[in-house]
């Protein structure tokens, strides 16, 4: 039996690119509270992402997924969401897309996946506040972060 070749995915590339902007506080889901009920990300905030659309080029190996990005912040023990902290995370991501020396950039992906070369990154909408979260988390969504990338040949 042959082992399948590992290929870069939109989630892996977006996670690595976002981590290069905001640090190691990015994943596809929010971390669960620790065994004592605390949120390990309460002081830094957290960024989650999901593939929301996009396309692949049929003539060249170029991917352009649109990612939905959520920026979260929490004030444990308070019912007042820290809107400024969540907004700052979102605006940092938007600013990175406008920082043209930030792209192109080669990203090292984890777990033996091939590296990816990000050619451009841009948003298709401004961050917006998401209200009425039952957990009193602050959340700003970026409705579309488009990252154009290609795998780096081995």
Protein backbone atom coordinates (compact mmCIF):
# COMPACT_ATOMS: atom_id res chain seq x y z
CA UNK A 1 0.00 0.00 0.00
CA UNK A 2 1.33 3.44 -0.88
CA UNK A 3 1.19 6.34 1.50
CA UNK A 4 -0.80 9.32 0.20
CA UNK A 5 1.18 12.45 -0.55
CA UNK A 6 0.55 15.21 1.97
CA UNK A 7 -0.86 18.37 0.36
CA UNK A 8 -1.25 21.83 1.81
CA UNK A 9 -4.84 22.83 2.58
CA UNK A 10 -6.55 26.23 2.83
CA UNK A 11 -6.97 25.80 6.60
CA UNK A 12 -3.28 24.95 7.13
CA UNK A 13 -2.11 27.88 5.02
CA UNK A 14 -4.54 30.37 6.57
CA UNK A 15 -3.65 29.19 10.09
CA UNK A 16 0.07 29.64 9.39
CA UNK A 17 -0.43 33.06 7.77
CA UNK A 18 -2.66 34.31 10.60
CA UNK A 19 -0.17 32.97 13.19
CA UNK A 20 2.54 35.03 11.47
CA UNK A 21 0.35 38.09 12.12
CA UNK A 22 -1.15 37.54 15.61
CA UNK A 23 1.00 34.78 17.08
CA UNK A 24 0.16 31.28 18.23
CA UNK A 25 -3.49 32.01 19.08
CA UNK A 26 -5.09 30.61 15.89
CA UNK A 27 -7.02 27.39 15.25
CA UNK A 28 -10.18 26.12 13.62
CA UNK A 29 -12.00 26.00 16.99
CA UNK A 30 -11.81 27.82 20.29
CA UNK A 31 -9.79 25.97 22.93
CA UNK A 32 -11.82 24.36 25.67
CA UNK A 33 -11.50 25.75 29.20
CA UNK A 34 -8.78 24.13 31.28
CA UNK A 35 -9.63 21.56 33.97
CA UNK A 36 -10.03 24.35 36.52
CA UNK A 37 -12.45 26.21 34.23
CA UNK A 38 -10.12 29.02 33.14
CA UNK A 39 -9.61 30.21 29.59
CA UNK A 40 -5.97 29.96 28.60
CA UNK A 41 -6.54 32.59 25.90
CA UNK A 42 -8.39 35.13 28.07
CA UNK A 43 -5.51 37.63 28.19
CA UNK A 44 -4.54 37.39 24.52
CA UNK A 45 -7.79 36.72 22.69
CA UNK A 46 -8.09 34.01 20.06
CA UNK A 47 -8.68 33.72 16.30
CA UNK A 48 -10.70 30.96 14.65
CA UNK A 49 -11.14 30.32 10.95
CA UNK A 50 -13.17 28.29 8.51
CA UNK A 51 -13.00 27.85 4.75
CA UNK A 52 -15.97 29.81 3.41
CA UNK A 53 -15.45 29.56 -0.34
CA UNK A 54 -12.95 30.49 -2.99
CA UNK A 55 -11.55 28.61 -5.94
CA UNK A 56 -8.58 26.92 -7.51
CA UNK A 57 -7.13 28.02 -10.83
CA UNK A 58 -7.68 25.39 -13.52
CA UNK A 59 -4.53 26.33 -15.45
CA UNK A 60 -1.93 26.98 -12.76
CA UNK A 61 -1.53 25.54 -9.24
CA UNK A 62 -2.87 28.66 -7.54
CA UNK A 63 -5.43 28.50 -4.71
CA UNK A 64 -7.54 31.46 -3.59
CA UNK A 65 -9.77 30.33 -0.71
CA UNK A 66 -11.99 32.79 1.12
CA UNK A 67 -11.72 32.24 4.84
CA UNK A 68 -14.21 33.28 7.49
CA UNK A 69 -12.26 34.64 10.45
CA UNK A 70 -13.57 35.24 13.98
CA UNK A 71 -11.62 37.21 16.58
CA UNK A 72 -12.56 36.40 20.17
CA UNK A 73 -11.87 38.00 23.54
CA UNK A 74 -13.16 37.24 27.05
CA UNK A 75 -13.26 38.78 30.51
CA UNK A 76 -13.57 35.78 32.84
CA UNK A 77 -15.78 36.58 35.79
CA UNK A 78 -17.38 39.56 34.05
CA UNK A 79 -20.48 39.93 31.92
CA UNK A 80 -18.86 42.82 30.03
CA UNK A 81 -17.30 41.60 26.77
CA UNK A 82 -13.89 43.16 25.97
CA UNK A 83 -14.89 44.53 22.55
CA UNK A 84 -11.69 46.54 22.13
CA UNK A 85 -9.45 43.48 22.45
CA UNK A 86 -11.46 41.51 19.85
CA UNK A 87 -11.60 44.52 17.51
CA UNK A 88 -7.83 45.03 17.83
CA UNK A 89 -7.17 41.44 16.76
CA UNK A 90 -9.42 41.89 13.71
CA UNK A 91 -7.84 45.22 12.77
CA UNK A 92 -4.34 43.73 13.13
CA UNK A 93 -5.28 41.11 10.54
CA UNK A 94 -6.72 43.74 8.17
CA UNK A 95 -3.60 45.87 8.61
CA UNK A 96 -1.37 42.89 7.74
CA UNK A 97 -3.16 42.51 4.41
CA UNK A 98 -2.33 46.15 3.63
CA UNK A 99 1.30 45.74 4.68
CA UNK A 100 2.64 44.74 1.29
CA UNK A 101 6.12 43.74 2.53
CA UNK A 102 4.19 41.10 4.56
CA UNK A 103 3.41 39.25 1.30
CA UNK A 104 4.65 37.40 -0.66
CA UNK A 105 5.87 35.13 2.07
CA UNK A 106 6.82 31.47 2.35
CA UNK A 107 5.18 29.61 5.24
CA UNK A 108 6.42 26.42 6.85
CA UNK A 109 3.46 24.13 7.47
CA UNK A 110 3.41 21.57 10.30
CA UNK A 111 3.46 17.79 10.20
CA UNK A 112 5.44 17.17 7.04
CA UNK A 113 3.10 19.15 4.78
CA UNK A 114 4.82 21.03 1.95
CA UNK A 115 5.59 24.71 2.45
CA UNK A 116 3.24 27.26 0.92
CA UNK A 117 4.02 30.54 -0.80
CA UNK A 118 1.46 33.25 -0.05
CA UNK A 119 1.30 35.65 -2.98
CA UNK A 120 -1.38 37.99 -1.67
CA UNK A 121 -3.87 38.39 1.14
CA UNK A 122 -6.83 40.75 1.29
CA UNK A 123 -10.21 41.12 2.94
CA UNK A 124 -13.52 41.42 1.12
CA UNK A 125 -15.29 43.12 4.01
CA UNK A 126 -14.56 45.10 7.12
CA UNK A 127 -14.63 43.48 10.57
CA UNK A 128 -18.06 43.55 12.19
CA UNK A 129 -19.14 43.15 15.77
CA UNK A 130 -21.15 40.00 16.57
CA UNK A 131 -23.44 40.70 19.51
CA UNK A 132 -25.57 38.64 21.89
CA UNK A 133 -23.09 35.87 22.63
CA UNK A 134 -24.52 33.83 25.51
CA UNK A 135 -21.05 33.31 26.99
CA UNK A 136 -20.33 37.08 27.10
CA UNK A 137 -17.38 36.67 24.75
CA UNK A 138 -16.56 39.59 22.47
CA UNK A 139 -16.40 38.55 18.82
CA UNK A 140 -15.56 40.38 15.61
CA UNK A 141 -15.89 38.59 12.27
CA UNK A 142 -13.97 39.27 9.10
CA UNK A 143 -16.42 37.95 6.49
CA UNK A 144 -13.80 37.11 3.90
CA UNK A 145 -10.03 36.83 4.11
CA UNK A 146 -8.76 35.74 0.71
CA UNK A 147 -5.29 34.25 0.64
CA UNK A 148 -3.76 33.46 -2.75
CA UNK A 149 -1.17 30.72 -2.36
CA UNK A 150 0.60 27.86 -4.04
CA UNK A 151 2.56 24.88 -2.73
CA UNK A 152 6.33 25.21 -2.80
CA UNK A 153 7.74 22.41 -4.97
CA UNK A 154 9.74 19.88 -2.97
